[in-house]
């Protein structure tokens, strides 16, 4: 049985996510929190197998989850893998997304996907991270690989 903590101030989004997880991951125990303080208070006596940070997990910056928030979570619960369940923002540059994801991964995040990704991809992400393996959604992985290939082509041409 997996214990999953969802931190997101968007109640509707976390409720939808909870419903999806309950359907697809048998016997999952799910806890929803508005912020990291509420999570911290509750998890002084409980443990989680994975923490999912929703797009509005950090009320300090509604545009993205800042690294200090992730660091705070990682420092308090180093054994608990974190998944970023992000909102795909219109108008944001592809390069900005992949650079942000790389920073998240360097900060210790295990999984990254968009809220708009399919349910099977969400479940695959959670199951992969529960095994303590990294997961990045296919769309973002392609962005990262495209940037890597483009940088190497530029370096070869110089």
C-alpha atoms as a PDB file:
ATOM      1  CA  UNK A   1       0.000   0.000   0.000  1.00  0.00           C
ATOM      2  CA  UNK A   2       1.375   3.383  -1.024  1.00  0.00           C
ATOM      3  CA  UNK A   3       0.959   6.494   1.078  1.00  0.00           C
ATOM      4  CA  UNK A   4       0.791   9.560  -1.145  1.00  0.00           C
ATOM      5  CA  UNK A   5       0.761  13.159   0.051  1.00  0.00           C
ATOM      6  CA  UNK A   6      -0.532  15.840  -2.314  1.00  0.00           C
ATOM      7  CA  UNK A   7       0.423  19.447  -1.563  1.00  0.00           C
ATOM      8  CA  UNK A   8      -1.571  21.949  -3.606  1.00  0.00           C
ATOM      9  CA  UNK A   9      -3.648  24.959  -2.600  1.00  0.00           C
ATOM     10  CA  UNK A  10      -5.945  24.275  -5.578  1.00  0.00           C
ATOM     11  CA  UNK A  11      -8.547  22.112  -3.808  1.00  0.00           C
ATOM     12  CA  UNK A  12     -10.344  21.137  -7.029  1.00  0.00           C
ATOM     13  CA  UNK A  13      -7.106  20.038  -8.706  1.00  0.00           C
ATOM     14  CA  UNK A  14      -5.972  17.955  -5.753  1.00  0.00           C
ATOM     15  CA  UNK A  15      -9.429  16.369  -5.462  1.00  0.00           C
ATOM     16  CA  UNK A  16      -9.317  15.351  -9.141  1.00  0.00           C
ATOM     17  CA  UNK A  17      -5.827  13.957  -8.694  1.00  0.00           C
ATOM     18  CA  UNK A  18      -6.907  12.013  -5.612  1.00  0.00           C
ATOM     19  CA  UNK A  19      -9.785  10.428  -7.540  1.00  0.00           C
ATOM     20  CA  UNK A  20      -7.533   9.375 -10.414  1.00  0.00           C
ATOM     21  CA  UNK A  21      -4.957   7.841  -8.082  1.00  0.00           C
ATOM     22  CA  UNK A  22      -7.591   5.935  -6.083  1.00  0.00           C
ATOM     23  CA  UNK A  23      -8.947   4.371  -9.276  1.00  0.00           C
ATOM     24  CA  UNK A  24      -5.575   3.260 -10.615  1.00  0.00           C
ATOM     25  CA  UNK A  25      -3.381   2.513  -7.593  1.00  0.00           C
ATOM     26  CA  UNK A  26      -4.969  -0.115  -5.393  1.00  0.00           C
ATOM     27  CA  UNK A  27      -5.083   0.544  -1.659  1.00  0.00           C
ATOM     28  CA  UNK A  28      -3.390   3.941  -2.010  1.00  0.00           C
ATOM     29  CA  UNK A  29      -3.662   6.050   1.114  1.00  0.00           C
ATOM     30  CA  UNK A  30      -3.900   9.681   0.027  1.00  0.00           C
ATOM     31  CA  UNK A  31      -3.563  12.830   2.103  1.00  0.00           C
ATOM     32  CA  UNK A  32      -4.228  16.345   0.734  1.00  0.00           C
ATOM     33  CA  UNK A  33      -2.597  19.497   2.124  1.00  0.00           C
ATOM     34  CA  UNK A  34      -2.927  23.181   1.195  1.00  0.00           C
ATOM     35  CA  UNK A  35       0.709  23.937   1.965  1.00  0.00           C
ATOM     36  CA  UNK A  36       3.952  22.516   3.280  1.00  0.00           C
ATOM     37  CA  UNK A  37       3.241  23.692   6.850  1.00  0.00           C
ATOM     38  CA  UNK A  38       0.054  21.599   7.000  1.00  0.00           C
ATOM     39  CA  UNK A  39       1.953  18.646   5.520  1.00  0.00           C
ATOM     40  CA  UNK A  40       4.788  19.057   8.036  1.00  0.00           C
ATOM     41  CA  UNK A  41       2.400  19.191  11.013  1.00  0.00           C
ATOM     42  CA  UNK A  42       0.656  16.001   9.923  1.00  0.00           C
ATOM     43  CA  UNK A  43       3.768  14.072   8.934  1.00  0.00           C
ATOM     44  CA  UNK A  44       5.476  14.439  12.286  1.00  0.00           C
ATOM     45  CA  UNK A  45       3.644  11.204  13.144  1.00  0.00           C
ATOM     46  CA  UNK A  46       3.109   9.689   9.678  1.00  0.00           C
ATOM     47  CA  UNK A  47       5.270   8.885   6.693  1.00  0.00           C
ATOM     48  CA  UNK A  48       4.702   9.203   2.962  1.00  0.00           C
ATOM     49  CA  UNK A  49       6.032   7.041   0.163  1.00  0.00           C
ATOM     50  CA  UNK A  50       5.819   9.936  -2.299  1.00  0.00           C
ATOM     51  CA  UNK A  51       4.882  13.625  -2.235  1.00  0.00           C
ATOM     52  CA  UNK A  52       3.174  15.230  -5.219  1.00  0.00           C
ATOM     53  CA  UNK A  53       3.522  18.992  -5.494  1.00  0.00           C
ATOM     54  CA  UNK A  54       0.650  20.453  -7.474  1.00  0.00           C
ATOM     55  CA  UNK A  55       0.921  23.580  -9.605  1.00  0.00           C
ATOM     56  CA  UNK A  56      -0.230  25.735  -6.707  1.00  0.00           C
ATOM     57  CA  UNK A  57       1.781  24.041  -3.971  1.00  0.00           C
ATOM     58  CA  UNK A  58       3.799  27.172  -3.349  1.00  0.00           C
ATOM     59  CA  UNK A  59       1.520  30.088  -2.653  1.00  0.00           C
ATOM     60  CA  UNK A  60       4.592  32.366  -2.714  1.00  0.00           C
ATOM     61  CA  UNK A  61       4.802  32.052  -6.480  1.00  0.00           C
ATOM     62  CA  UNK A  62       1.745  30.813  -8.364  1.00  0.00           C
ATOM     63  CA  UNK A  63       3.679  30.719 -11.668  1.00  0.00           C
ATOM     64  CA  UNK A  64       5.962  27.855 -10.656  1.00  0.00           C
ATOM     65  CA  UNK A  65       7.177  25.914  -7.657  1.00  0.00           C
ATOM     66  CA  UNK A  66      10.326  27.644  -6.504  1.00  0.00           C
ATOM     67  CA  UNK A  67      13.466  25.766  -5.557  1.00  0.00           C
ATOM     68  CA  UNK A  68      13.445  26.970  -1.942  1.00  0.00           C
ATOM     69  CA  UNK A  69      10.106  25.215  -1.475  1.00  0.00           C
ATOM     70  CA  UNK A  70      11.545  21.980  -2.901  1.00  0.00           C
ATOM     71  CA  UNK A  71      14.706  22.321  -0.803  1.00  0.00           C
ATOM     72  CA  UNK A  72      12.637  22.821   2.346  1.00  0.00           C
ATOM     73  CA  UNK A  73      10.680  19.673   1.563  1.00  0.00           C
ATOM     74  CA  UNK A  74      13.825  17.674   0.722  1.00  0.00           C
ATOM     75  CA  UNK A  75      15.613  18.816   3.896  1.00  0.00           C
ATOM     76  CA  UNK A  76      12.697  17.815   6.094  1.00  0.00           C
ATOM     77  CA  UNK A  77      11.942  14.526   4.341  1.00  0.00           C
ATOM     78  CA  UNK A  78      15.070  13.401   2.440  1.00  0.00           C
ATOM     79  CA  UNK A  79      13.867   9.814   2.053  1.00  0.00           C
ATOM     80  CA  UNK A  80      10.558  10.801   0.427  1.00  0.00           C
ATOM     81  CA  UNK A  81      10.673  11.236  -3.364  1.00  0.00           C
ATOM     82  CA  UNK A  82       8.917  14.259  -4.839  1.00  0.00           C
ATOM     83  CA  UNK A  83       6.899  14.579  -8.046  1.00  0.00           C
ATOM     84  CA  UNK A  84       6.139  17.955  -9.606  1.00  0.00           C
ATOM     85  CA  UNK A  85       2.656  17.893 -11.171  1.00  0.00           C
ATOM     86  CA  UNK A  86       2.894  21.172 -13.066  1.00  0.00           C
ATOM     87  CA  UNK A  87       0.510  23.302 -15.080  1.00  0.00           C
ATOM     88  CA  UNK A  88       1.426  23.728 -18.741  1.00  0.00           C
ATOM     89  CA  UNK A  89       1.597  27.499 -19.109  1.00  0.00           C
ATOM     90  CA  UNK A  90       0.707  29.092 -22.427  1.00  0.00           C
ATOM     91  CA  UNK A  91       3.316  31.381 -23.870  1.00  0.00           C
ATOM     92  CA  UNK A  92       6.219  30.017 -21.841  1.00  0.00           C
ATOM     93  CA  UNK A  93       9.257  29.189 -23.936  1.00  0.00           C
ATOM     94  CA  UNK A  94      10.249  25.566 -24.414  1.00  0.00           C
ATOM     95  CA  UNK A  95      13.793  26.357 -23.254  1.00  0.00           C
ATOM     96  CA  UNK A  96      12.470  27.831 -19.991  1.00  0.00           C
ATOM     97  CA  UNK A  97      10.510  24.670 -19.205  1.00  0.00           C
ATOM     98  CA  UNK A  98      13.384  22.271 -19.779  1.00  0.00           C
ATOM     99  CA  UNK A  99      15.835  24.437 -17.822  1.00  0.00           C
ATOM    100  CA  UNK A 100      13.364  24.612 -14.916  1.00  0.00           C
ATOM    101  CA  UNK A 101      12.933  20.825 -14.952  1.00  0.00           C
ATOM    102  CA  UNK A 102      16.703  20.314 -14.914  1.00  0.00           C
ATOM    103  CA  UNK A 103      16.924  22.584 -11.855  1.00  0.00           C
ATOM    104  CA  UNK A 104      14.131  20.601 -10.177  1.00  0.00           C
ATOM    105  CA  UNK A 105      15.935  17.323 -10.856  1.00  0.00           C
ATOM    106  CA  UNK A 106      19.216  18.744  -9.517  1.00  0.00           C
ATOM    107  CA  UNK A 107      17.319  19.843  -6.385  1.00  0.00           C
ATOM    108  CA  UNK A 108      16.288  16.222  -5.771  1.00  0.00           C
ATOM    109  CA  UNK A 109      12.902  15.956  -7.474  1.00  0.00           C
ATOM    110  CA  UNK A 110      12.245  12.440  -8.773  1.00  0.00           C
ATOM    111  CA  UNK A 111       9.367  13.033 -11.170  1.00  0.00           C
ATOM    112  CA  UNK A 112       7.994  15.755 -13.399  1.00  0.00           C
ATOM    113  CA  UNK A 113       4.893  15.876 -15.548  1.00  0.00           C
ATOM    114  CA  UNK A 114       2.197  18.250 -16.656  1.00  0.00           C
ATOM    115  CA  UNK A 115      -1.300  18.263 -15.247  1.00  0.00           C
ATOM    116  CA  UNK A 116      -2.432  17.984 -18.868  1.00  0.00           C
ATOM    117  CA  UNK A 117      -0.584  14.671 -19.422  1.00  0.00           C
ATOM    118  CA  UNK A 118      -2.670  11.535 -19.806  1.00  0.00           C
ATOM    119  CA  UNK A 119      -3.848   9.465 -16.856  1.00  0.00           C
ATOM    120  CA  UNK A 120      -1.689   6.471 -17.913  1.00  0.00           C
ATOM    121  CA  UNK A 121       1.380   8.741 -17.922  1.00  0.00           C
ATOM    122  CA  UNK A 122       0.478  10.101 -14.465  1.00  0.00           C
ATOM    123  CA  UNK A 123       0.145   6.569 -13.092  1.00  0.00           C
ATOM    124  CA  UNK A 124       3.387   5.496 -14.787  1.00  0.00           C
ATOM    125  CA  UNK A 125       5.140   8.463 -13.185  1.00  0.00           C
ATOM    126  CA  UNK A 126       3.850   7.672  -9.693  1.00  0.00           C
ATOM    127  CA  UNK A 127       4.659   3.961  -9.987  1.00  0.00           C
ATOM    128  CA  UNK A 128       8.167   4.713 -11.284  1.00  0.00           C
ATOM    129  CA  UNK A 129       8.889   7.211  -8.510  1.00  0.00           C
ATOM    130  CA  UNK A 130       7.533   4.814  -5.871  1.00  0.00           C
ATOM    131  CA  UNK A 131      10.380   2.505  -7.005  1.00  0.00           C
ATOM    132  CA  UNK A 132      12.793   5.412  -6.325  1.00  0.00           C
ATOM    133  CA  UNK A 133      13.489   5.893 -10.043  1.00  0.00           C
ATOM    134  CA  UNK A 134      13.308   9.176 -11.924  1.00  0.00           C
ATOM    135  CA  UNK A 135      10.533  10.005 -14.369  1.00  0.00           C
ATOM    136  CA  UNK A 136      10.125  12.968 -16.706  1.00  0.00           C
ATOM    137  CA  UNK A 137       7.095  13.122 -18.994  1.00  0.00           C
ATOM    138  CA  UNK A 138       7.787  12.357 -22.633  1.00  0.00           C
ATOM    139  CA  UNK A 139       7.037  15.891 -23.836  1.00  0.00           C
ATOM    140  CA  UNK A 140       9.575  17.504 -21.499  1.00  0.00           C
ATOM    141  CA  UNK A 141      12.147  14.753 -22.081  1.00  0.00           C
ATOM    142  CA  UNK A 142      11.970  15.539 -25.805  1.00  0.00           C
ATOM    143  CA  UNK A 143      12.529  19.249 -25.039  1.00  0.00           C
ATOM    144  CA  UNK A 144      15.575  18.430 -22.904  1.00  0.00           C
ATOM    145  CA  UNK A 145      17.014  16.092 -25.544  1.00  0.00           C
ATOM    146  CA  UNK A 146      16.360  18.607 -28.349  1.00  0.00           C
ATOM    147  CA  UNK A 147      18.223  21.306 -26.411  1.00  0.00           C
ATOM    148  CA  UNK A 148      21.085  18.913 -25.709  1.00  0.00           C
ATOM    149  CA  UNK A 149      21.380  17.936 -29.380  1.00  0.00           C
ATOM    150  CA  UNK A 150      21.162  21.590 -30.502  1.00  0.00           C
ATOM    151  CA  UNK A 151      23.921  22.646 -28.080  1.00  0.00           C
ATOM    152  CA  UNK A 152      26.160  19.810 -29.273  1.00  0.00           C
ATOM    153  CA  UNK A 153      25.550  20.755 -32.934  1.00  0.00           C
ATOM    154  CA  UNK A 154      26.510  24.372 -32.165  1.00  0.00           C
ATOM    155  CA  UNK A 155      29.671  23.241 -30.361  1.00  0.00           C
ATOM    156  CA  UNK A 156      30.676  20.976 -33.283  1.00  0.00           C
ATOM    157  CA  UNK A 157      30.151  23.751 -35.811  1.00  0.00           C
ATOM    158  CA  UNK A 158      32.531  26.114 -33.955  1.00  0.00           C
END
